[in-house]
């Protein structure tokens, strides 16, 4: 019998900081804005809806926080593609954390699904790369802002 995997996106990275610091980077929009979106309507809390904005693009998304397990997991319903996104944090000793972001529950098929998965995969990879630079070296690389500069099609 053939096993079929549900279409999903995964991005992961080792961050050389304790799990509490890495986890908080996704909870607190004052930290997150340094490597992902430019503005968040509040800290992530279970049962709460939060709006994330990318002001340079004039776009926003709303997430509903499904579950938070302190320093281990954040799960949200994301209005983009109407999917679920899990952020998992695995401590690797006291001074490093393996972050894995998984998006799943895509409702499309065919070329539309491939386009959504490609965009999400590239986006989340950019997020974890920016997270690493910011938390480990204190550098905001402007990766999200520079991903789609004006004038590039």
C-alpha atoms as a PDB file:
ATOM      1  CA  UNK A   1       0.000   0.000   0.000  1.00  0.00           C
ATOM      2  CA  UNK A   2       1.363   3.430  -0.977  1.00  0.00           C
ATOM      3  CA  UNK A   3       1.617   6.081   1.710  1.00  0.00           C
ATOM      4  CA  UNK A   4       0.781   9.606   0.553  1.00  0.00           C
ATOM      5  CA  UNK A   5       2.237  12.595   2.314  1.00  0.00           C
ATOM      6  CA  UNK A   6       0.104  15.659   2.782  1.00  0.00           C
ATOM      7  CA  UNK A   7       1.500  18.640   0.870  1.00  0.00           C
ATOM      8  CA  UNK A   8       3.463  20.792   3.278  1.00  0.00           C
ATOM      9  CA  UNK A   9       6.320  23.255   3.534  1.00  0.00           C
ATOM     10  CA  UNK A  10       9.210  22.907   5.941  1.00  0.00           C
ATOM     11  CA  UNK A  11      12.048  25.244   6.816  1.00  0.00           C
ATOM     12  CA  UNK A  12      14.540  24.651   9.595  1.00  0.00           C
ATOM     13  CA  UNK A  13      17.702  26.070  11.110  1.00  0.00           C
ATOM     14  CA  UNK A  14      19.976  25.662  14.114  1.00  0.00           C
ATOM     15  CA  UNK A  15      20.060  28.912  16.083  1.00  0.00           C
ATOM     16  CA  UNK A  16      22.881  29.252  18.593  1.00  0.00           C
ATOM     17  CA  UNK A  17      20.737  30.741  21.348  1.00  0.00           C
ATOM     18  CA  UNK A  18      18.714  29.142  24.187  1.00  0.00           C
ATOM     19  CA  UNK A  19      15.178  27.961  23.385  1.00  0.00           C
ATOM     20  CA  UNK A  20      13.557  30.667  25.549  1.00  0.00           C
ATOM     21  CA  UNK A  21      15.214  33.426  23.487  1.00  0.00           C
ATOM     22  CA  UNK A  22      14.387  31.833  20.135  1.00  0.00           C
ATOM     23  CA  UNK A  23      10.787  31.103  21.178  1.00  0.00           C
ATOM     24  CA  UNK A  24      10.314  34.690  22.372  1.00  0.00           C
ATOM     25  CA  UNK A  25      11.581  35.985  19.011  1.00  0.00           C
ATOM     26  CA  UNK A  26       8.367  34.639  17.444  1.00  0.00           C
ATOM     27  CA  UNK A  27       6.042  35.577  20.346  1.00  0.00           C
ATOM     28  CA  UNK A  28       7.075  39.232  20.706  1.00  0.00           C
ATOM     29  CA  UNK A  29       6.515  41.440  17.629  1.00  0.00           C
ATOM     30  CA  UNK A  30       9.134  43.913  18.902  1.00  0.00           C
ATOM     31  CA  UNK A  31      11.710  41.167  18.269  1.00  0.00           C
ATOM     32  CA  UNK A  32      10.063  39.544  15.239  1.00  0.00           C
ATOM     33  CA  UNK A  33      10.044  42.814  13.295  1.00  0.00           C
ATOM     34  CA  UNK A  34      13.836  42.575  13.133  1.00  0.00           C
ATOM     35  CA  UNK A  35      13.768  39.503  10.892  1.00  0.00           C
ATOM     36  CA  UNK A  36      10.243  39.004   9.476  1.00  0.00           C
ATOM     37  CA  UNK A  37       7.256  41.359   9.439  1.00  0.00           C
ATOM     38  CA  UNK A  38       7.471  45.064  10.184  1.00  0.00           C
ATOM     39  CA  UNK A  39       4.558  45.344  12.608  1.00  0.00           C
ATOM     40  CA  UNK A  40       2.473  43.012  14.776  1.00  0.00           C
ATOM     41  CA  UNK A  41      -0.741  43.919  16.595  1.00  0.00           C
ATOM     42  CA  UNK A  42       0.377  42.158  19.781  1.00  0.00           C
ATOM     43  CA  UNK A  43       2.208  39.268  21.367  1.00  0.00           C
ATOM     44  CA  UNK A  44       1.059  35.784  20.431  1.00  0.00           C
ATOM     45  CA  UNK A  45      -1.284  34.267  23.015  1.00  0.00           C
ATOM     46  CA  UNK A  46      -3.413  31.123  22.769  1.00  0.00           C
ATOM     47  CA  UNK A  47      -6.909  31.917  21.515  1.00  0.00           C
ATOM     48  CA  UNK A  48      -5.969  35.354  20.230  1.00  0.00           C
ATOM     49  CA  UNK A  49      -6.018  36.722  16.660  1.00  0.00           C
ATOM     50  CA  UNK A  50      -2.994  38.811  15.697  1.00  0.00           C
ATOM     51  CA  UNK A  51      -2.338  40.851  12.562  1.00  0.00           C
ATOM     52  CA  UNK A  52       1.123  40.893  11.032  1.00  0.00           C
ATOM     53  CA  UNK A  53       2.020  43.668   8.565  1.00  0.00           C
ATOM     54  CA  UNK A  54       4.688  44.021   5.920  1.00  0.00           C
ATOM     55  CA  UNK A  55       4.447  47.771   5.526  1.00  0.00           C
ATOM     56  CA  UNK A  56       6.918  47.990   2.614  1.00  0.00           C
ATOM     57  CA  UNK A  57       4.549  45.846   0.532  1.00  0.00           C
ATOM     58  CA  UNK A  58       1.266  47.226   1.876  1.00  0.00           C
ATOM     59  CA  UNK A  59       0.083  43.749   2.927  1.00  0.00           C
ATOM     60  CA  UNK A  60      -1.008  42.103   6.146  1.00  0.00           C
ATOM     61  CA  UNK A  61      -2.084  38.679   7.364  1.00  0.00           C
ATOM     62  CA  UNK A  62      -4.068  37.547  10.352  1.00  0.00           C
ATOM     63  CA  UNK A  63      -3.183  34.518  12.438  1.00  0.00           C
ATOM     64  CA  UNK A  64      -5.261  32.810  15.090  1.00  0.00           C
ATOM     65  CA  UNK A  65      -3.112  31.253  17.798  1.00  0.00           C
ATOM     66  CA  UNK A  66      -4.219  27.634  18.209  1.00  0.00           C
ATOM     67  CA  UNK A  67      -1.656  26.468  20.749  1.00  0.00           C
ATOM     68  CA  UNK A  68       1.415  27.620  22.621  1.00  0.00           C
ATOM     69  CA  UNK A  69       3.707  25.316  24.574  1.00  0.00           C
ATOM     70  CA  UNK A  70       6.260  27.621  26.178  1.00  0.00           C
ATOM     71  CA  UNK A  71       9.723  27.320  24.616  1.00  0.00           C
ATOM     72  CA  UNK A  72       8.589  24.303  22.538  1.00  0.00           C
ATOM     73  CA  UNK A  73       5.794  25.057  20.061  1.00  0.00           C
ATOM     74  CA  UNK A  74       3.554  27.722  18.544  1.00  0.00           C
ATOM     75  CA  UNK A  75       0.692  26.659  16.261  1.00  0.00           C
ATOM     76  CA  UNK A  76      -1.386  29.168  14.288  1.00  0.00           C
ATOM     77  CA  UNK A  77      -4.147  29.220  11.714  1.00  0.00           C
ATOM     78  CA  UNK A  78      -2.843  31.593   9.057  1.00  0.00           C
ATOM     79  CA  UNK A  79      -5.261  33.326   6.728  1.00  0.00           C
ATOM     80  CA  UNK A  80      -2.676  33.145   3.943  1.00  0.00           C
ATOM     81  CA  UNK A  81      -3.723  30.017   2.031  1.00  0.00           C
ATOM     82  CA  UNK A  82      -6.013  29.144   5.011  1.00  0.00           C
ATOM     83  CA  UNK A  83      -3.343  26.850   6.431  1.00  0.00           C
ATOM     84  CA  UNK A  84      -1.843  25.829   9.751  1.00  0.00           C
ATOM     85  CA  UNK A  85       1.724  26.811  10.603  1.00  0.00           C
ATOM     86  CA  UNK A  86       3.642  25.132  13.415  1.00  0.00           C
ATOM     87  CA  UNK A  87       6.810  26.646  14.843  1.00  0.00           C
ATOM     88  CA  UNK A  88       8.721  24.020  16.822  1.00  0.00           C
ATOM     89  CA  UNK A  89      11.713  24.656  19.065  1.00  0.00           C
ATOM     90  CA  UNK A  90      14.000  21.774  20.024  1.00  0.00           C
ATOM     91  CA  UNK A  91      16.693  22.627  22.575  1.00  0.00           C
ATOM     92  CA  UNK A  92      20.122  21.405  21.517  1.00  0.00           C
ATOM     93  CA  UNK A  93      21.886  21.713  24.858  1.00  0.00           C
ATOM     94  CA  UNK A  94      21.654  24.950  26.839  1.00  0.00           C
ATOM     95  CA  UNK A  95      22.919  27.319  24.142  1.00  0.00           C
ATOM     96  CA  UNK A  96      21.294  26.251  20.859  1.00  0.00           C
ATOM     97  CA  UNK A  97      17.820  25.577  19.461  1.00  0.00           C
ATOM     98  CA  UNK A  98      16.719  23.752  16.330  1.00  0.00           C
ATOM     99  CA  UNK A  99      13.785  25.661  14.833  1.00  0.00           C
ATOM    100  CA  UNK A 100      11.416  23.944  12.426  1.00  0.00           C
ATOM    101  CA  UNK A 101       8.556  25.744  10.696  1.00  0.00           C
ATOM    102  CA  UNK A 102       5.935  23.546   9.024  1.00  0.00           C
ATOM    103  CA  UNK A 103       2.983  24.847   7.012  1.00  0.00           C
ATOM    104  CA  UNK A 104       0.254  22.411   5.990  1.00  0.00           C
ATOM    105  CA  UNK A 105      -3.417  22.083   5.140  1.00  0.00           C
ATOM    106  CA  UNK A 106      -3.189  23.629   1.683  1.00  0.00           C
ATOM    107  CA  UNK A 107      -6.547  23.518  -0.081  1.00  0.00           C
ATOM    108  CA  UNK A 108      -5.385  23.920  -3.657  1.00  0.00           C
ATOM    109  CA  UNK A 109      -4.126  21.423  -6.222  1.00  0.00           C
ATOM    110  CA  UNK A 110      -1.994  21.325  -9.330  1.00  0.00           C
ATOM    111  CA  UNK A 111      -0.087  24.390 -10.460  1.00  0.00           C
ATOM    112  CA  UNK A 112      -1.762  26.624  -7.866  1.00  0.00           C
ATOM    113  CA  UNK A 113      -0.590  24.317  -5.060  1.00  0.00           C
ATOM    114  CA  UNK A 114       2.941  24.219  -6.468  1.00  0.00           C
ATOM    115  CA  UNK A 115       3.026  28.033  -6.609  1.00  0.00           C
ATOM    116  CA  UNK A 116       1.810  28.336  -2.999  1.00  0.00           C
ATOM    117  CA  UNK A 117       4.324  25.766  -1.732  1.00  0.00           C
ATOM    118  CA  UNK A 118       7.177  27.392  -3.635  1.00  0.00           C
ATOM    119  CA  UNK A 119       6.353  30.832  -2.223  1.00  0.00           C
ATOM    120  CA  UNK A 120       5.915  29.589   1.335  1.00  0.00           C
ATOM    121  CA  UNK A 121       9.087  27.500   1.196  1.00  0.00           C
ATOM    122  CA  UNK A 122      11.181  30.433   0.035  1.00  0.00           C
ATOM    123  CA  UNK A 123       9.503  32.747   2.520  1.00  0.00           C
ATOM    124  CA  UNK A 124      10.024  30.583   5.582  1.00  0.00           C
ATOM    125  CA  UNK A 125      13.605  29.826   4.570  1.00  0.00           C
ATOM    126  CA  UNK A 126      14.225  33.568   4.419  1.00  0.00           C
ATOM    127  CA  UNK A 127      12.623  33.938   7.879  1.00  0.00           C
ATOM    128  CA  UNK A 128      14.895  31.377   9.562  1.00  0.00           C
ATOM    129  CA  UNK A 129      17.952  32.821   7.825  1.00  0.00           C
ATOM    130  CA  UNK A 130      17.064  36.298   9.091  1.00  0.00           C
ATOM    131  CA  UNK A 131      16.326  34.917  12.555  1.00  0.00           C
ATOM    132  CA  UNK A 132      19.788  33.345  12.734  1.00  0.00           C
ATOM    133  CA  UNK A 133      21.556  36.560  11.672  1.00  0.00           C
ATOM    134  CA  UNK A 134      19.547  38.678  14.102  1.00  0.00           C
ATOM    135  CA  UNK A 135      19.745  36.471  17.206  1.00  0.00           C
ATOM    136  CA  UNK A 136      23.314  35.251  16.771  1.00  0.00           C
ATOM    137  CA  UNK A 137      24.941  38.411  15.429  1.00  0.00           C
ATOM    138  CA  UNK A 138      22.503  41.272  16.125  1.00  0.00           C
ATOM    139  CA  UNK A 139      22.207  42.014  12.413  1.00  0.00           C
ATOM    140  CA  UNK A 140      18.953  42.847  10.646  1.00  0.00           C
ATOM    141  CA  UNK A 141      19.747  41.756   7.091  1.00  0.00           C
ATOM    142  CA  UNK A 142      16.507  43.261   5.655  1.00  0.00           C
ATOM    143  CA  UNK A 143      15.935  39.939   3.892  1.00  0.00           C
ATOM    144  CA  UNK A 144      12.149  40.245   3.708  1.00  0.00           C
ATOM    145  CA  UNK A 145      12.243  43.863   2.498  1.00  0.00           C
ATOM    146  CA  UNK A 146      14.888  43.033  -0.110  1.00  0.00           C
ATOM    147  CA  UNK A 147      13.220  39.845  -1.375  1.00  0.00           C
ATOM    148  CA  UNK A 148      10.900  41.759  -3.715  1.00  0.00           C
ATOM    149  CA  UNK A 149      12.391  45.229  -4.284  1.00  0.00           C
ATOM    150  CA  UNK A 150      10.437  47.798  -6.288  1.00  0.00           C
ATOM    151  CA  UNK A 151      11.133  47.564  -9.986  1.00  0.00           C
ATOM    152  CA  UNK A 152      11.746  43.801 -10.034  1.00  0.00           C
ATOM    153  CA  UNK A 153       9.040  41.672 -11.635  1.00  0.00           C
END
